[in-house]
Amino acid sequence: MKTEQPNAIVSRKIEVTPELIILRIVHQGWELPDFTPQQYAVLVLMARPILPSALAFTAGAMILVVVEELVPESQTSGHSHSAT
């Protein structure tokens, strides 16, 4: 069975917290592909028809967060009149 060799190495390791580590990876043995201008514009054009629905869903999610988290928290500790 053929064993695969790593094609990248860790050049920098940053431990932010015990649960979060940021690794900087550098390619090894292969070249990065050339950047083609406007290659990401195609993705935007393809997503354009669903953009209104996606934005509406995002707005609804933010309203849910406010209603579920912020409003009840603002009513605690006897500060209900200043919060409304």
C-alpha atoms as a PDB file:
ATOM      1  CA  MET A   1       0.000   0.000   0.000  1.00  0.00           C
ATOM      2  CA  LYS A   2       1.324   3.404  -0.968  1.00  0.00           C
ATOM      3  CA  THR A   3       1.791   5.868   1.890  1.00  0.00           C
ATOM      4  CA  GLU A   4       1.102   9.487   1.132  1.00  0.00           C
ATOM      5  CA  GLN A   5       3.641  12.111   2.066  1.00  0.00           C
ATOM      6  CA  PRO A   6       2.550  15.435   3.579  1.00  0.00           C
ATOM      7  CA  ASN A   7       2.449  18.253   1.046  1.00  0.00           C
ATOM      8  CA  ALA A   8       2.502  21.081   3.576  1.00  0.00           C
ATOM      9  CA  ILE A   9       4.283  21.952   6.795  1.00  0.00           C
ATOM     10  CA  VAL A  10       3.298  23.978   9.852  1.00  0.00           C
ATOM     11  CA  SER A  11       5.402  27.132   9.871  1.00  0.00           C
ATOM     12  CA  ARG A  12       3.827  28.842  12.888  1.00  0.00           C
ATOM     13  CA  LYS A  13       1.660  27.746  15.800  1.00  0.00           C
ATOM     14  CA  ILE A  14      -0.251  30.242  17.950  1.00  0.00           C
ATOM     15  CA  GLU A  15      -2.070  28.967  21.031  1.00  0.00           C
ATOM     16  CA  VAL A  16      -4.845  31.464  21.693  1.00  0.00           C
ATOM     17  CA  THR A  17      -6.537  29.365  24.388  1.00  0.00           C
ATOM     18  CA  PRO A  18      -6.210  25.694  25.329  1.00  0.00           C
ATOM     19  CA  GLU A  19      -9.159  24.994  22.996  1.00  0.00           C
ATOM     20  CA  LEU A  20      -8.058  27.265  20.102  1.00  0.00           C
ATOM     21  CA  ILE A  21      -4.853  26.951  18.102  1.00  0.00           C
ATOM     22  CA  ILE A  22      -4.055  28.887  14.931  1.00  0.00           C
ATOM     23  CA  LEU A  23      -1.724  27.121  12.502  1.00  0.00           C
ATOM     24  CA  ARG A  24       0.067  28.773   9.574  1.00  0.00           C
ATOM     25  CA  ILE A  25       0.588  26.206   6.839  1.00  0.00           C
ATOM     26  CA  VAL A  26       3.158  26.538   4.057  1.00  0.00           C
ATOM     27  CA  HIS A  27       2.954  24.448   0.896  1.00  0.00           C
ATOM     28  CA  GLN A  28       5.792  22.048   0.191  1.00  0.00           C
ATOM     29  CA  GLY A  29       6.518  20.360  -3.114  1.00  0.00           C
ATOM     30  CA  TRP A  30       3.805  22.072  -5.169  1.00  0.00           C
ATOM     31  CA  GLU A  31       3.107  25.522  -6.509  1.00  0.00           C
ATOM     32  CA  LEU A  32       0.158  27.699  -5.641  1.00  0.00           C
ATOM     33  CA  PRO A  33      -2.243  28.137  -8.563  1.00  0.00           C
ATOM     34  CA  ASP A  34      -2.262  31.486 -10.288  1.00  0.00           C
ATOM     35  CA  PHE A  35      -4.932  33.930  -9.222  1.00  0.00           C
ATOM     36  CA  THR A  36      -7.359  34.770 -12.000  1.00  0.00           C
ATOM     37  CA  PRO A  37      -9.106  38.131 -11.602  1.00  0.00           C
ATOM     38  CA  GLN A  38     -12.895  37.892 -11.338  1.00  0.00           C
ATOM     39  CA  GLN A  39     -12.837  34.187 -10.515  1.00  0.00           C
ATOM     40  CA  TYR A  40     -14.962  34.831  -7.424  1.00  0.00           C
ATOM     41  CA  ALA A  41     -17.375  37.151  -9.221  1.00  0.00           C
ATOM     42  CA  VAL A  42     -18.964  34.100 -10.825  1.00  0.00           C
ATOM     43  CA  LEU A  43     -19.972  32.797  -7.393  1.00  0.00           C
ATOM     44  CA  VAL A  44     -21.620  36.111  -6.558  1.00  0.00           C
ATOM     45  CA  LEU A  45     -23.549  36.128  -9.832  1.00  0.00           C
ATOM     46  CA  MET A  46     -24.749  32.582  -9.226  1.00  0.00           C
ATOM     47  CA  ALA A  47     -25.923  33.469  -5.690  1.00  0.00           C
ATOM     48  CA  ARG A  48     -27.723  36.636  -6.780  1.00  0.00           C
ATOM     49  CA  PRO A  49     -31.173  35.027  -7.271  1.00  0.00           C
ATOM     50  CA  ILE A  50     -31.256  33.681  -3.697  1.00  0.00           C
ATOM     51  CA  LEU A  51     -29.763  36.802  -2.107  1.00  0.00           C
ATOM     52  CA  PRO A  52     -33.098  38.328  -0.934  1.00  0.00           C
ATOM     53  CA  SER A  53     -34.160  35.075   0.714  1.00  0.00           C
ATOM     54  CA  ALA A  54     -30.739  34.606   2.318  1.00  0.00           C
ATOM     55  CA  LEU A  55     -30.776  38.138   3.710  1.00  0.00           C
ATOM     56  CA  ALA A  56     -34.319  37.676   5.035  1.00  0.00           C
ATOM     57  CA  PHE A  57     -33.268  34.457   6.769  1.00  0.00           C
ATOM     58  CA  THR A  58     -30.254  36.212   8.290  1.00  0.00           C
ATOM     59  CA  ALA A  59     -32.414  39.087   9.549  1.00  0.00           C
ATOM     60  CA  GLY A  60     -34.825  36.614  11.115  1.00  0.00           C
ATOM     61  CA  ALA A  61     -31.959  34.851  12.859  1.00  0.00           C
ATOM     62  CA  MET A  62     -30.753  38.148  14.317  1.00  0.00           C
ATOM     63  CA  ILE A  63     -34.260  39.005  15.558  1.00  0.00           C
ATOM     64  CA  LEU A  64     -34.438  35.567  17.203  1.00  0.00           C
ATOM     65  CA  VAL A  65     -31.126  36.176  18.989  1.00  0.00           C
ATOM     66  CA  VAL A  66     -32.314  39.553  20.272  1.00  0.00           C
ATOM     67  CA  VAL A  67     -35.654  38.212  21.491  1.00  0.00           C
ATOM     68  CA  GLU A  68     -34.221  35.049  23.052  1.00  0.00           C
ATOM     69  CA  GLU A  69     -31.036  36.440  24.593  1.00  0.00           C
ATOM     70  CA  LEU A  70     -30.952  40.214  24.945  1.00  0.00           C
ATOM     71  CA  VAL A  71     -34.526  41.110  25.894  1.00  0.00           C
ATOM     72  CA  PRO A  72     -34.811  38.662  28.840  1.00  0.00           C
ATOM     73  CA  GLU A  73     -31.363  39.642  30.084  1.00  0.00           C
ATOM     74  CA  SER A  74     -32.251  43.335  29.998  1.00  0.00           C
ATOM     75  CA  GLN A  75     -35.276  42.697  32.243  1.00  0.00           C
ATOM     76  CA  THR A  76     -33.234  41.202  35.087  1.00  0.00           C
ATOM     77  CA  SER A  77     -31.603  42.911  38.074  1.00  0.00           C
ATOM     78  CA  GLY A  78     -34.466  45.356  38.634  1.00  0.00           C
ATOM     79  CA  HIS A  79     -33.685  47.571  35.638  1.00  0.00           C
ATOM     80  CA  SER A  80     -36.825  46.806  33.633  1.00  0.00           C
ATOM     81  CA  HIS A  81     -37.926  50.438  33.185  1.00  0.00           C
ATOM     82  CA  SER A  82     -34.568  51.702  31.896  1.00  0.00           C
ATOM     83  CA  ALA A  83     -34.326  48.791  29.455  1.00  0.00           C
ATOM     84  CA  THR A  84     -37.647  49.563  27.746  1.00  0.00           C
END
